[in-house]
Protein backbone atom coordinates (compact mmCIF):
# COMPACT_ATOMS: atom_id res chain seq x y z
CA MET A 1 53.57 -105.47 -106.40
CA THR A 2 56.66 -106.60 -108.33
CA LEU A 3 57.34 -108.72 -111.42
CA LEU A 4 58.23 -111.61 -109.12
CA ASP A 5 54.84 -111.25 -107.43
CA ILE A 6 53.12 -111.44 -110.83
CA ASP A 7 55.04 -114.63 -111.56
CA ASN A 8 54.20 -116.21 -108.19
CA VAL A 9 50.74 -114.89 -107.28
CA PHE A 10 49.17 -114.81 -110.75
CA ASP A 11 50.88 -117.82 -112.30
CA THR A 12 47.65 -119.29 -113.72
CA ASP A 13 44.81 -117.88 -115.77
CA LEU A 14 42.31 -118.93 -113.09
CA LYS A 15 44.06 -116.87 -110.41
CA CYS A 16 44.05 -113.84 -112.72
CA ARG A 17 40.33 -114.27 -113.36
CA GLU A 18 39.61 -114.59 -109.66
CA VAL A 19 41.19 -111.22 -108.85
CA LEU A 20 39.41 -109.58 -111.80
CA CYS A 21 36.11 -110.94 -110.47
CA ARG A 22 36.74 -109.40 -107.06
CA LEU A 23 37.67 -106.07 -108.63
CA ARG A 24 34.76 -105.97 -111.08
CA TRP A 25 32.11 -107.27 -108.69
CA PRO A 26 33.05 -106.47 -105.05
CA ASN A 27 29.87 -108.16 -103.84
CA ASP A 28 28.52 -110.89 -106.18
CA PRO A 29 28.92 -111.35 -109.96
CA GLU A 30 26.13 -109.77 -111.98
CA CYS A 31 25.08 -109.74 -115.60
CA PRO A 32 26.72 -106.90 -117.60
CA ARG A 33 23.56 -106.64 -119.71
CA CYS A 34 20.68 -106.57 -117.21
CA ARG A 35 22.52 -106.38 -113.84
CA SER A 36 20.74 -109.51 -112.56
CA LYS A 37 22.36 -112.07 -110.30
CA VAL A 38 24.09 -114.90 -112.13
CA VAL A 39 25.31 -118.42 -111.51
CA GLU A 40 28.80 -119.73 -112.15
CA LEU A 41 29.04 -122.61 -114.58
CA ALA A 42 31.22 -125.64 -113.87
CA THR A 43 33.81 -124.89 -116.56
CA GLU A 44 37.56 -124.39 -116.63
CA LYS A 45 37.23 -120.85 -118.01
CA GLN A 46 35.06 -119.59 -115.12
CA LEU A 47 31.96 -118.74 -117.13
CA PHE A 48 28.78 -117.19 -115.73
CA TYR A 49 25.17 -117.54 -116.85
CA CYS A 50 22.27 -115.11 -116.52
CA LYS A 51 18.80 -116.69 -116.59
CA GLU A 52 17.04 -113.36 -117.03
CA CYS A 53 18.53 -112.58 -120.46
CA ASP A 54 19.92 -116.02 -121.34
CA TYR A 55 23.48 -114.66 -121.55
CA GLN A 56 26.70 -116.56 -120.95
CA PHE A 57 29.83 -114.52 -120.28
CA SER A 58 33.21 -114.36 -118.54
CA VAL A 59 34.73 -111.71 -116.29
CA THR A 60 36.52 -110.13 -119.28
CA ALA A 61 33.34 -109.69 -121.36
CA GLY A 62 32.76 -106.05 -122.26
CA THR A 63 36.13 -104.93 -120.89
CA ILE A 64 39.40 -103.89 -122.52
CA PHE A 65 40.49 -107.55 -122.14
CA ASN A 66 37.67 -108.55 -124.49
CA ASP A 67 38.67 -110.47 -127.66
CA SER A 68 42.33 -110.54 -126.62
CA HIS A 69 44.30 -113.71 -127.29
CA LEU A 70 47.03 -112.77 -124.82
CA PRO A 71 47.16 -114.67 -121.50
CA LEU A 72 45.91 -112.61 -118.57
CA LYS A 73 49.31 -113.01 -116.91
CA THR A 74 50.83 -111.15 -119.88
CA TRP A 75 48.24 -108.40 -119.45
CA PHE A 76 49.07 -108.16 -115.74
CA THR A 77 52.79 -107.94 -116.47
CA ALA A 78 52.28 -105.19 -119.06
CA THR A 79 50.05 -103.25 -116.66
CA LEU A 80 52.63 -103.39 -113.88
CA LEU A 81 55.40 -102.25 -116.22
CA LEU A 82 53.31 -99.30 -117.38
CA VAL A 83 52.19 -98.08 -113.96
CA GLU A 84 55.59 -98.42 -112.31
CA ALA A 85 57.57 -96.62 -115.05
CA ARG A 86 57.84 -93.01 -113.84
CA LYS A 87 58.63 -91.68 -117.32
CA GLY A 88 56.49 -94.16 -119.24
CA PHE A 89 57.18 -97.43 -121.02
CA SER A 90 57.46 -97.55 -124.81
CA ALA A 91 55.70 -100.09 -127.02
CA ASN A 92 59.07 -101.12 -128.42
CA GLN A 93 60.37 -101.87 -124.95
CA MET A 94 57.12 -103.66 -124.08
CA LYS A 95 57.54 -105.79 -127.22
CA ARG A 96 60.99 -106.93 -126.11
CA THR A 97 60.05 -107.43 -122.47
CA ILE A 98 56.90 -109.56 -122.82
CA GLY A 99 57.75 -111.19 -126.17
CA VAL A 100 55.00 -109.98 -128.51
CA SER A 101 54.94 -108.13 -131.83
CA TYR A 102 55.27 -104.33 -131.90
CA LYS A 103 51.68 -103.96 -133.15
CA THR A 104 50.38 -106.07 -130.26
CA ALA A 105 52.49 -104.17 -127.70
CA TRP A 106 51.37 -100.78 -129.07
CA TYR A 107 47.70 -101.75 -129.01
CA LEU A 108 48.09 -103.27 -125.54
CA CYS A 109 49.62 -100.10 -124.10
CA HIS A 110 46.88 -97.93 -125.60
CA ARG A 111 44.12 -100.09 -124.16
CA ILE A 112 45.66 -99.73 -120.71
CA ARG A 113 45.90 -95.96 -121.26
CA ARG A 114 42.21 -95.89 -122.17
CA ALA A 115 41.39 -97.32 -118.75
CA MET A 116 43.57 -94.62 -117.18
CA LYS A 117 41.60 -91.96 -119.07
CA GLU A 118 38.27 -93.26 -117.80
CA ALA A 119 39.38 -93.26 -114.18
CA GLY A 120 36.30 -91.52 -112.82
CA GLU A 121 35.53 -87.98 -111.69
CA ARG A 122 38.46 -85.71 -110.94
CA PRO A 123 38.16 -83.31 -107.97
CA MET A 124 38.50 -79.58 -108.52
CA LEU A 125 41.91 -78.14 -107.68
CA TYR A 126 42.14 -75.73 -104.75
CA GLY A 127 44.67 -74.01 -102.48
CA THR A 128 47.68 -72.74 -104.45
CA VAL A 129 47.46 -73.62 -108.13
CA GLU A 130 50.04 -73.11 -110.89
CA MET A 131 49.21 -72.96 -114.59
CA ASP A 132 51.46 -72.85 -117.65
CA GLU A 133 51.69 -73.98 -121.26
CA THR A 134 54.37 -75.70 -123.31
CA TRP A 135 54.89 -76.78 -126.92
CA VAL A 136 55.98 -80.23 -128.09
CA GLY A 137 56.95 -81.24 -131.58
CA GLY A 138 59.82 -81.94 -133.92
CA ARG A 139 62.60 -79.39 -134.15
CA LYS A 140 62.26 -77.50 -137.43
CA ARG A 141 65.38 -75.76 -138.75
CA GLY A 142 65.42 -72.76 -141.06
CA ILE A 143 62.09 -71.26 -139.92
CA GLY A 144 61.21 -68.54 -137.45
CA VAL A 145 60.21 -69.13 -133.83
CA ALA A 146 56.56 -68.17 -134.42
CA GLU A 147 56.23 -70.53 -137.40
CA ALA A 148 57.97 -73.34 -135.49
CA ARG A 149 55.46 -73.02 -132.65
CA ARG A 150 52.53 -73.15 -135.07
CA GLN A 151 53.79 -76.53 -136.23
CA LYS A 152 53.98 -77.92 -132.69
CA GLU A 153 51.34 -79.25 -130.33
CA ILE A 154 50.24 -77.27 -127.27
CA VAL A 155 50.06 -78.84 -123.82
CA ILE A 156 48.43 -76.89 -120.99
CA GLY A 157 49.31 -77.89 -117.46
CA ILE A 158 47.56 -77.09 -114.18
CA ARG A 159 48.94 -78.33 -110.87
CA GLN A 160 47.88 -77.87 -107.29
CA ARG A 161 50.84 -77.53 -104.97
CA GLY A 162 50.93 -80.71 -102.92
CA GLY A 163 48.02 -82.07 -104.96
CA ASP A 164 46.90 -83.27 -108.37
CA LEU A 165 48.16 -82.53 -111.85
CA ARG A 166 46.21 -81.95 -115.07
CA PHE A 167 47.60 -82.06 -118.62
CA PHE A 168 45.57 -81.11 -121.71
CA HIS A 169 46.31 -81.27 -125.43
CA ALA A 170 44.94 -77.86 -126.46
CA ASN A 171 44.11 -76.26 -129.79
CA GLY A 172 45.36 -72.86 -128.68
CA VAL A 173 46.22 -70.58 -125.78
CA THR A 174 43.59 -67.90 -126.24
CA THR A 175 41.91 -66.26 -123.27
CA GLY A 176 38.73 -68.25 -123.89
CA THR A 177 40.56 -71.58 -124.05
CA LEU A 178 42.49 -70.92 -120.85
CA ARG A 179 39.32 -69.69 -119.12
CA ASP A 180 37.51 -72.94 -119.98
CA TYR A 181 40.29 -75.09 -118.53
CA ILE A 182 40.31 -73.02 -115.35
CA LYS A 183 36.52 -73.21 -115.04
CA ASP A 184 36.48 -77.00 -115.50
CA ASN A 185 39.39 -77.83 -113.21
CA VAL A 186 39.95 -75.09 -110.61
CA SER A 187 37.61 -74.38 -107.71
CA GLN A 188 36.23 -70.86 -107.39
CA ASP A 189 37.39 -71.00 -103.76
CA VAL A 190 41.03 -71.46 -104.80
CA ASP A 191 43.44 -69.28 -102.79
CA VAL A 192 45.59 -68.10 -105.70
CA ILE A 193 46.63 -69.00 -109.23
CA PHE A 194 50.26 -68.46 -110.22
CA THR A 195 51.18 -68.07 -113.91
CA ASP A 196 53.89 -66.43 -115.98
CA ASP A 197 53.39 -63.02 -117.62
CA PHE A 198 51.59 -64.32 -120.73
CA ASN A 199 48.84 -61.74 -121.34
CA ALA A 200 45.98 -64.18 -121.95
CA TYR A 201 46.05 -65.38 -118.33
CA LYS A 202 45.00 -62.01 -116.93
CA ASN A 203 41.45 -62.12 -118.31
CA ALA A 204 41.24 -65.93 -118.24
CA VAL A 205 41.66 -66.07 -114.45
CA GLY A 206 38.90 -63.50 -113.92
CA THR A 207 38.10 -62.56 -110.32
CA ILE A 208 40.33 -65.23 -108.75
CA ARG A 209 43.43 -63.91 -107.00
CA HIS A 210 46.21 -64.01 -109.59
CA GLU A 211 49.98 -63.55 -109.21
CA THR A 212 52.54 -63.67 -112.01
CA VAL A 213 56.27 -64.02 -112.46
CA ASN A 214 57.83 -62.00 -115.26
CA HIS A 215 59.70 -64.58 -117.30
CA SER A 216 60.25 -61.98 -120.02
CA ALA A 217 62.46 -60.06 -117.58
CA LYS A 218 64.14 -63.29 -116.41
CA GLU A 219 62.22 -63.28 -113.12
CA TYR A 220 61.46 -66.87 -112.08
CA VAL A 221 60.82 -66.72 -108.33
CA ARG A 222 59.44 -63.94 -106.13
CA GLY A 223 58.89 -65.24 -102.63
CA ASP A 224 56.41 -68.10 -103.01
CA VAL A 225 55.26 -66.81 -106.41
CA HIS A 226 56.60 -69.11 -109.14
CA THR A 227 55.55 -71.75 -111.67
CA ASN A 228 58.37 -74.18 -110.89
CA THR A 229 55.93 -76.85 -109.68
CA ILE A 230 54.09 -77.16 -112.99
CA GLU A 231 57.32 -76.73 -114.94
CA SER A 232 58.82 -79.72 -113.11
CA ALA A 233 55.80 -81.74 -114.31
CA PHE A 234 56.46 -80.53 -117.88
CA SER A 235 60.07 -81.64 -117.44
CA LEU A 236 58.93 -85.14 -116.47
CA LEU A 237 56.63 -85.24 -119.52
CA LYS A 238 59.41 -84.19 -121.88
CA ARG A 239 61.80 -86.71 -120.37
CA GLY A 240 59.20 -89.33 -121.21
CA ILE A 241 58.88 -88.05 -124.76
CA ILE A 242 62.62 -87.77 -125.37
CA GLY A 243 63.89 -90.78 -123.48
CA THR A 244 61.01 -93.28 -123.60
CA TRP A 245 58.40 -92.82 -126.32
CA HIS A 246 60.59 -90.96 -128.89
CA ARG A 247 57.76 -90.73 -131.43
CA VAL A 248 54.19 -89.76 -130.53
CA SER A 249 51.35 -88.87 -132.88
CA ALA A 250 49.33 -85.71 -132.45
CA LYS A 251 46.23 -87.95 -132.51
CA HIS A 252 47.39 -89.93 -129.48
CA LEU A 253 49.19 -87.20 -127.53
CA ALA A 254 46.20 -86.84 -125.18
CA ALA A 255 46.42 -90.54 -124.30
CA TYR A 256 50.04 -90.16 -123.21
CA LEU A 257 49.08 -87.09 -121.16
CA ASP A 258 46.31 -89.13 -119.48
CA GLU A 259 48.84 -91.84 -118.64
CA MET A 260 51.27 -89.32 -117.12
CA THR A 261 48.63 -87.62 -114.97
CA PHE A 262 47.04 -90.92 -113.86
CA ARG A 263 50.39 -92.27 -112.66
CA PHE A 264 51.58 -88.95 -111.18
CA ASN A 265 48.40 -88.33 -109.18
CA ARG A 266 48.58 -91.85 -107.71
CA ARG A 267 52.34 -91.91 -107.09
CA LYS A 268 51.80 -92.47 -103.34
CA ASN A 269 49.20 -95.20 -103.85
CA HIS A 270 50.65 -98.53 -102.71
CA ASP A 271 47.81 -100.38 -104.51
CA LEU A 272 48.38 -98.66 -107.85
CA PHE A 273 48.56 -101.95 -109.77
CA LEU A 274 45.25 -103.26 -108.41
CA ASP A 275 43.67 -99.83 -108.75
CA THR A 276 44.62 -99.81 -112.44
CA LEU A 277 43.20 -103.32 -112.95
CA ARG A 278 39.98 -102.12 -111.33
CA HIS A 279 39.66 -99.42 -113.98
CA MET A 280 40.53 -101.91 -116.70
CA VAL A 281 37.55 -104.14 -115.92
CA THR A 282 35.13 -101.19 -115.90
CA ALA A 283 36.40 -99.15 -118.89
CA ASP A 284 34.81 -99.51 -122.31
CA PRO A 285 36.72 -101.70 -124.80
CA LEU A 286 38.81 -99.98 -127.47
CA THR A 287 38.91 -101.48 -130.98
CA PHE A 288 42.04 -101.32 -133.13
CA GLU A 289 40.08 -99.67 -135.97
CA ARG A 290 38.88 -96.91 -133.68
CA LEU A 291 42.35 -96.42 -132.24
CA THR A 292 44.07 -96.02 -135.62
CA ALA A 293 41.41 -94.03 -137.48
CA GLY A 294 42.95 -90.97 -139.17
CA GLN A 295 46.33 -91.33 -137.49
CA THR A 296 49.28 -89.17 -138.54
CA GLU A 297 52.67 -89.35 -136.83
CA LEU A 298 54.47 -86.39 -135.28
CA GLN A 299 58.11 -86.54 -134.26
CA VAL A 300 58.13 -84.99 -130.79
CA ARG A 301 61.10 -83.58 -129.01
CA ALA A 302 61.57 -81.08 -126.20
């Protein structure tokens, strides 16, 4: 799918609604309230009616498209731009590209990210798995390294070689925290977990086979033992932060991590655009008030 395809294939609101109908209801349209069969009304806006609960609705009812005044073609364009941008797409750039206000572009991007977050069950990682942690946040001058790290945000990464990636915005890197992430994301039948020499990993991994590289002694590769795979994913994340988003709040950091992992894990999916739309018509709507509640901004930089 390209921008020219959006312009040609989805040039009318009706065509956009038709594809959303097929993605939301692969069989026949049904009522979002009682799941009963419905009838389509003879209207220009493609409305449906449920006799069981006397409810009239459209394909966008109860989705992240709900209550949006933007044309569906604009939504489709924004979605394509977001899923095809390897290092992300900023709200400022979205504003200029689709011709909306910054506030609208920012809210639009976050609603698409919400659909990426609710993309269904994630399989457990197996085979050879690498795990590491990194810190993101503004560069503070005149303070020690330990204090600087306390003022940054922690991102834990787990990646299966040749498989999926997981990013998490963590509160700490204690043994218990790391153990929980391993338990929730790594299969007990995993062949081996590779980490660096950070002490907390030893007890966090438990009985799983565990190999380390001694970064403290400037050892980075020992045969096939290394964490270069997960570190390359961190590099991609930081390129997105530095070169694309520039400013990310601690409150919303997890949303950007969800976007990165969603796109990375589906990088070989030729139907990524339609797959994303499918999640967008099944995800819960996100209100602006809920999105901005308690927000504080954090200047992030690698």
